[in-house]
């Protein structure tokens, strides 16, 4: 799960495993595998970095 912010500033948590695409057009648009779309304040690179961190945490927990 990653913490993001909607364009109105409201914080929400998104299940990173459901992300299909992340685009900047110009707002960052996240499309999930169920075709649901979220517009977020964070840039695409930040969304990608948070997703990578999420998977690194999952991987380190599995090793423990």
PDB file of N, CA and C in Angstrom:
ATOM      1  N   UNK A   1       0.849  -1.174   0.000  1.00  0.00           N
ATOM      2  CA  UNK A   1       0.000   0.000   0.000  1.00  0.00           C
ATOM      3  C   UNK A   1       0.894   1.237   0.000  1.00  0.00           C
ATOM      4  N   UNK A   2       0.504   2.237  -0.795  1.00  0.00           N
ATOM      5  CA  UNK A   2       1.272   3.474  -0.852  1.00  0.00           C
ATOM      6  C   UNK A   2       0.356   4.659  -0.537  1.00  0.00           C
ATOM      7  N   UNK A   3       0.922   5.662   0.131  1.00  0.00           N
ATOM      8  CA  UNK A   3       0.171   6.859   0.493  1.00  0.00           C
ATOM      9  C   UNK A   3       0.347   7.889  -0.614  1.00  0.00           C
ATOM     10  N   UNK A   4      -0.776   8.426  -1.105  1.00  0.00           N
ATOM     11  CA  UNK A   4      -0.775   9.435  -2.157  1.00  0.00           C
ATOM     12  C   UNK A   4      -1.755  10.544  -1.795  1.00  0.00           C
ATOM     13  N   UNK A   5      -1.793  11.592  -2.626  1.00  0.00           N
ATOM     14  CA  UNK A   5      -2.694  12.718  -2.390  1.00  0.00           C
ATOM     15  C   UNK A   5      -3.500  13.016  -3.641  1.00  0.00           C
ATOM     16  N   UNK A   6      -4.812  13.126  -3.467  1.00  0.00           N
ATOM     17  CA  UNK A   6      -5.668  13.540  -4.569  1.00  0.00           C
ATOM     18  C   UNK A   6      -5.373  14.995  -4.897  1.00  0.00           C
ATOM     19  N   UNK A   7      -5.855  15.474  -6.028  1.00  0.00           N
ATOM     20  CA  UNK A   7      -5.587  16.853  -6.439  1.00  0.00           C
ATOM     21  C   UNK A   7      -6.120  17.867  -5.438  1.00  0.00           C
ATOM     22  N   UNK A   8      -7.170  17.497  -4.686  1.00  0.00           N
ATOM     23  CA  UNK A   8      -7.719  18.414  -3.683  1.00  0.00           C
ATOM     24  C   UNK A   8      -6.935  18.370  -2.369  1.00  0.00           C
ATOM     25  N   UNK A   9      -5.875  17.561  -2.326  1.00  0.00           N
ATOM     26  CA  UNK A   9      -5.019  17.482  -1.153  1.00  0.00           C
ATOM     27  C   UNK A   9      -5.351  16.361  -0.193  1.00  0.00           C
ATOM     28  N   UNK A  10      -6.482  15.704  -0.374  1.00  0.00           N
ATOM     29  CA  UNK A  10      -6.868  14.605   0.510  1.00  0.00           C
ATOM     30  C   UNK A  10      -5.913  13.423   0.338  1.00  0.00           C
ATOM     31  N   UNK A  11      -5.444  12.911   1.465  1.00  0.00           N
ATOM     32  CA  UNK A  11      -4.551  11.757   1.473  1.00  0.00           C
ATOM     33  C   UNK A  11      -5.367  10.476   1.364  1.00  0.00           C
ATOM     34  N   UNK A  12      -4.832   9.507   0.612  1.00  0.00           N
ATOM     35  CA  UNK A  12      -5.467   8.196   0.542  1.00  0.00           C
ATOM     36  C   UNK A  12      -4.393   7.137   0.354  1.00  0.00           C
ATOM     37  N   UNK A  13      -4.768   5.893   0.579  1.00  0.00           N
ATOM     38  CA  UNK A  13      -3.838   4.773   0.455  1.00  0.00           C
ATOM     39  C   UNK A  13      -4.287   3.910  -0.720  1.00  0.00           C
ATOM     40  N   UNK A  14      -3.352   3.609  -1.597  1.00  0.00           N
ATOM     41  CA  UNK A  14      -3.644   2.847  -2.815  1.00  0.00           C
ATOM     42  C   UNK A  14      -2.903   1.522  -2.779  1.00  0.00           C
ATOM     43  N   UNK A  15      -3.576   0.465  -3.178  1.00  0.00           N
ATOM     44  CA  UNK A  15      -2.937  -0.846  -3.266  1.00  0.00           C
ATOM     45  C   UNK A  15      -2.059  -0.855  -4.513  1.00  0.00           C
ATOM     46  N   UNK A  16      -0.752  -0.799  -4.313  1.00  0.00           N
ATOM     47  CA  UNK A  16       0.199  -0.698  -5.418  1.00  0.00           C
ATOM     48  C   UNK A  16       0.153  -1.914  -6.341  1.00  0.00           C
ATOM     49  N   UNK A  17      -0.292  -3.034  -5.840  1.00  0.00           N
ATOM     50  CA  UNK A  17      -0.362  -4.248  -6.660  1.00  0.00           C
ATOM     51  C   UNK A  17      -1.413  -4.138  -7.755  1.00  0.00           C
ATOM     52  N   UNK A  18      -2.290  -3.160  -7.666  1.00  0.00           N
ATOM     53  CA  UNK A  18      -3.367  -3.012  -8.646  1.00  0.00           C
ATOM     54  C   UNK A  18      -3.053  -1.988  -9.726  1.00  0.00           C
ATOM     55  N   UNK A  19      -1.885  -1.352  -9.659  1.00  0.00           N
ATOM     56  CA  UNK A  19      -1.523  -0.333 -10.649  1.00  0.00           C
ATOM     57  C   UNK A  19      -1.193  -0.992 -11.981  1.00  0.00           C
ATOM     58  N   UNK A  20      -1.827  -0.489 -13.034  1.00  0.00           N
ATOM     59  CA  UNK A  20      -1.514  -0.955 -14.383  1.00  0.00           C
ATOM     60  C   UNK A  20      -0.626   0.060 -15.104  1.00  0.00           C
ATOM     61  N   UNK A  21      -1.014   1.355 -15.062  1.00  0.00           N
ATOM     62  CA  UNK A  21      -0.207   2.385 -15.714  1.00  0.00           C
ATOM     63  C   UNK A  21      -0.144   3.643 -14.858  1.00  0.00           C
ATOM     64  N   UNK A  22       0.960   4.395 -15.042  1.00  0.00           N
ATOM     65  CA  UNK A  22       1.123   5.710 -14.430  1.00  0.00           C
ATOM     66  C   UNK A  22       1.565   6.646 -15.555  1.00  0.00           C
ATOM     67  N   UNK A  23       0.803   7.722 -15.756  1.00  0.00           N
ATOM     68  CA  UNK A  23       1.101   8.658 -16.834  1.00  0.00           C
ATOM     69  C   UNK A  23       1.042  10.084 -16.310  1.00  0.00           C
ATOM     70  N   UNK A  24       1.828  10.962 -16.904  1.00  0.00           N
ATOM     71  CA  UNK A  24       1.729  12.385 -16.620  1.00  0.00           C
ATOM     72  C   UNK A  24       1.161  13.046 -17.871  1.00  0.00           C
ATOM     73  N   UNK A  25      -0.057  13.601 -17.779  1.00  0.00           N
ATOM     74  CA  UNK A  25      -0.714  14.140 -18.975  1.00  0.00           C
ATOM     75  C   UNK A  25      -1.577  15.368 -18.727  1.00  0.00           C
ATOM     76  N   UNK A  26      -1.244  16.472 -18.203  1.00  0.00           N
ATOM     77  CA  UNK A  26      -0.056  16.749 -17.391  1.00  0.00           C
ATOM     78  C   UNK A  26      -0.213  16.290 -15.948  1.00  0.00           C
ATOM     79  N   UNK A  27      -1.465  16.131 -15.451  1.00  0.00           N
ATOM     80  CA  UNK A  27      -1.626  15.596 -14.090  1.00  0.00           C
ATOM     81  C   UNK A  27      -1.231  14.123 -14.096  1.00  0.00           C
ATOM     82  N   UNK A  28      -0.725  13.658 -12.970  1.00  0.00           N
ATOM     83  CA  UNK A  28      -0.358  12.250 -12.871  1.00  0.00           C
ATOM     84  C   UNK A  28      -1.623  11.425 -12.762  1.00  0.00           C
ATOM     85  N   UNK A  29      -1.772  10.506 -13.711  1.00  0.00           N
ATOM     86  CA  UNK A  29      -2.954   9.661 -13.821  1.00  0.00           C
ATOM     87  C   UNK A  29      -2.547   8.218 -13.582  1.00  0.00           C
ATOM     88  N   UNK A  30      -3.181   7.591 -12.596  1.00  0.00           N
ATOM     89  CA  UNK A  30      -2.914   6.185 -12.283  1.00  0.00           C
ATOM     90  C   UNK A  30      -4.139   5.383 -12.710  1.00  0.00           C
ATOM     91  N   UNK A  31      -3.911   4.397 -13.554  1.00  0.00           N
ATOM     92  CA  UNK A  31      -4.987   3.501 -13.966  1.00  0.00           C
ATOM     93  C   UNK A  31      -4.738   2.143 -13.328  1.00  0.00           C
ATOM     94  N   UNK A  32      -5.773   1.623 -12.677  1.00  0.00           N
ATOM     95  CA  UNK A  32      -5.664   0.322 -12.016  1.00  0.00           C
ATOM     96  C   UNK A  32      -6.092  -0.792 -12.964  1.00  0.00           C
ATOM     97  N   UNK A  33      -5.844  -2.024 -12.572  1.00  0.00           N
ATOM     98  CA  UNK A  33      -6.179  -3.164 -13.425  1.00  0.00           C
ATOM     99  C   UNK A  33      -7.679  -3.322 -13.633  1.00  0.00           C
ATOM    100  N   UNK A  34      -8.493  -2.681 -12.774  1.00  0.00           N
ATOM    101  CA  UNK A  34      -9.944  -2.737 -12.934  1.00  0.00           C
ATOM    102  C   UNK A  34     -10.466  -1.503 -13.695  1.00  0.00           C
ATOM    103  N   UNK A  35      -9.551  -0.749 -14.333  1.00  0.00           N
ATOM    104  CA  UNK A  35      -9.839   0.456 -15.123  1.00  0.00           C
ATOM    105  C   UNK A  35     -10.252   1.664 -14.295  1.00  0.00           C
ATOM    106  N   UNK A  36     -10.165   1.592 -12.994  1.00  0.00           N
ATOM    107  CA  UNK A  36     -10.431   2.759 -12.157  1.00  0.00           C
ATOM    108  C   UNK A  36      -9.258   3.728 -12.294  1.00  0.00           C
ATOM    109  N   UNK A  37      -9.549   5.014 -12.323  1.00  0.00           N
ATOM    110  CA  UNK A  37      -8.521   6.023 -12.559  1.00  0.00           C
ATOM    111  C   UNK A  37      -8.433   6.972 -11.368  1.00  0.00           C
ATOM    112  N   UNK A  38      -7.195   7.301 -10.979  1.00  0.00           N
ATOM    113  CA  UNK A  38      -6.944   8.262  -9.914  1.00  0.00           C
ATOM    114  C   UNK A  38      -6.022   9.347 -10.451  1.00  0.00           C
ATOM    115  N   UNK A  39      -6.336  10.605 -10.156  1.00  0.00           N
ATOM    116  CA  UNK A  39      -5.455  11.729 -10.442  1.00  0.00           C
ATOM    117  C   UNK A  39      -4.792  12.117  -9.126  1.00  0.00           C
ATOM    118  N   UNK A  40      -3.461  12.223  -9.132  1.00  0.00           N
ATOM    119  CA  UNK A  40      -2.742  12.487  -7.888  1.00  0.00           C
ATOM    120  C   UNK A  40      -1.773  13.648  -8.045  1.00  0.00           C
ATOM    121  N   UNK A  41      -1.428  14.262  -6.900  1.00  0.00           N
ATOM    122  CA  UNK A  41      -0.486  15.381  -6.886  1.00  0.00           C
ATOM    123  C   UNK A  41       0.945  14.932  -7.159  1.00  0.00           C
ATOM    124  N   UNK A  42       1.289  13.742  -6.700  1.00  0.00           N
ATOM    125  CA  UNK A  42       2.655  13.249  -6.866  1.00  0.00           C
ATOM    126  C   UNK A  42       2.951  13.022  -8.356  1.00  0.00           C
ATOM    127  N   UNK A  43       4.201  13.230  -8.729  1.00  0.00           N
ATOM    128  CA  UNK A  43       4.612  12.947 -10.095  1.00  0.00           C
ATOM    129  C   UNK A  43       4.757  11.453 -10.330  1.00  0.00           C
ATOM    130  N   UNK A  44       4.863  11.073 -11.584  1.00  0.00           N
ATOM    131  CA  UNK A  44       4.982   9.657 -11.939  1.00  0.00           C
ATOM    132  C   UNK A  44       6.207   9.025 -11.291  1.00  0.00           C
ATOM    133  N   UNK A  45       7.319   9.744 -11.282  1.00  0.00           N
ATOM    134  CA  UNK A  45       8.545   9.197 -10.686  1.00  0.00           C
ATOM    135  C   UNK A  45       8.355   8.921  -9.198  1.00  0.00           C
ATOM    136  N   UNK A  46       7.655   9.797  -8.496  1.00  0.00           N
ATOM    137  CA  UNK A  46       7.401   9.597  -7.058  1.00  0.00           C
ATOM    138  C   UNK A  46       6.493   8.385  -6.840  1.00  0.00           C
ATOM    139  N   UNK A  47       5.480   8.223  -7.663  1.00  0.00           N
ATOM    140  CA  UNK A  47       4.583   7.059  -7.554  1.00  0.00           C
ATOM    141  C   UNK A  47       5.392   5.779  -7.775  1.00  0.00           C
ATOM    142  N   UNK A  48       6.254   5.795  -8.770  1.00  0.00           N
ATOM    143  CA  UNK A  48       7.091   4.626  -9.063  1.00  0.00           C
ATOM    144  C   UNK A  48       8.013   4.329  -7.887  1.00  0.00           C
ATOM    145  N   UNK A  49       8.644   5.374  -7.339  1.00  0.00           N
ATOM    146  CA  UNK A  49       9.551   5.170  -6.194  1.00  0.00           C
ATOM    147  C   UNK A  49       8.821   4.600  -4.982  1.00  0.00           C
ATOM    148  N   UNK A  50       7.628   5.099  -4.708  1.00  0.00           N
ATOM    149  CA  UNK A  50       6.859   4.577  -3.568  1.00  0.00           C
ATOM    150  C   UNK A  50       6.433   3.131  -3.810  1.00  0.00           C
ATOM    151  N   UNK A  51       6.126   2.814  -5.054  1.00  0.00           N
ATOM    152  CA  UNK A  51       5.754   1.437  -5.399  1.00  0.00           C
ATOM    153  C   UNK A  51       6.945   0.505  -5.216  1.00  0.00           C
ATOM    154  N   UNK A  52       8.115   0.943  -5.650  1.00  0.00           N
ATOM    155  CA  UNK A  52       9.335   0.147  -5.481  1.00  0.00           C
ATOM    156  C   UNK A  52       9.615  -0.070  -3.994  1.00  0.00           C
ATOM    157  N   UNK A  53       9.506   0.986  -3.188  1.00  0.00           N
ATOM    158  CA  UNK A  53       9.712   0.862  -1.742  1.00  0.00           C
ATOM    159  C   UNK A  53       8.737  -0.130  -1.130  1.00  0.00           C
ATOM    160  N   UNK A  54       7.494  -0.088  -1.579  1.00  0.00           N
ATOM    161  CA  UNK A  54       6.467  -1.015  -1.088  1.00  0.00           C
ATOM    162  C   UNK A  54       6.896  -2.459  -1.360  1.00  0.00           C
ATOM    163  N   UNK A  55       7.312  -2.740  -2.600  1.00  0.00           N
ATOM    164  CA  UNK A  55       7.698  -4.107  -2.938  1.00  0.00           C
ATOM    165  C   UNK A  55       8.982  -4.534  -2.233  1.00  0.00           C
ATOM    166  N   UNK A  56       9.895  -3.589  -1.995  1.00  0.00           N
ATOM    167  CA  UNK A  56      11.103  -3.914  -1.242  1.00  0.00           C
ATOM    168  C   UNK A  56      10.759  -4.316   0.192  1.00  0.00           C
ATOM    169  N   UNK A  57       9.800  -3.598   0.795  1.00  0.00           N
ATOM    170  CA  UNK A  57       9.360  -3.948   2.156  1.00  0.00           C
ATOM    171  C   UNK A  57       8.737  -5.336   2.177  1.00  0.00           C
ATOM    172  N   UNK A  58       7.894  -5.621   1.197  1.00  0.00           N
ATOM    173  CA  UNK A  58       7.250  -6.948   1.118  1.00  0.00           C
ATOM    174  C   UNK A  58       8.321  -8.023   0.994  1.00  0.00           C
ATOM    175  N   UNK A  59       9.287  -7.784   0.111  1.00  0.00           N
ATOM    176  CA  UNK A  59      10.339  -8.765  -0.130  1.00  0.00           C
ATOM    177  C   UNK A  59      11.176  -8.995   1.128  1.00  0.00           C
ATOM    178  N   UNK A  60      11.495  -7.913   1.860  1.00  0.00           N
ATOM    179  CA  UNK A  60      12.316  -8.065   3.074  1.00  0.00           C
ATOM    180  C   UNK A  60      11.547  -8.786   4.177  1.00  0.00           C
ATOM    181  N   UNK A  61      10.240  -8.615   4.224  1.00  0.00           N
ATOM    182  CA  UNK A  61       9.419  -9.329   5.219  1.00  0.00           C
ATOM    183  C   UNK A  61       9.372 -10.822   4.902  1.00  0.00           C
ATOM    184  N   UNK A  62       9.370 -11.162   3.622  1.00  0.00           N
ATOM    185  CA  UNK A  62       9.316 -12.563   3.222  1.00  0.00           C
ATOM    186  C   UNK A  62      10.634 -13.281   3.542  1.00  0.00           C
ATOM    187  N   UNK A  63      11.738 -12.550   3.528  1.00  0.00           N
ATOM    188  CA  UNK A  63      13.021 -13.138   3.844  1.00  0.00           C
ATOM    189  C   UNK A  63      13.185 -13.402   5.332  1.00  0.00           C
ATOM    190  N   UNK A  64      12.515 -12.613   6.154  1.00  0.00           N
ATOM    191  CA  UNK A  64      12.686 -12.700   7.610  1.00  0.00           C
ATOM    192  C   UNK A  64      12.124 -13.961   8.189  1.00  0.00           C
TER     193      UNK A  64
END
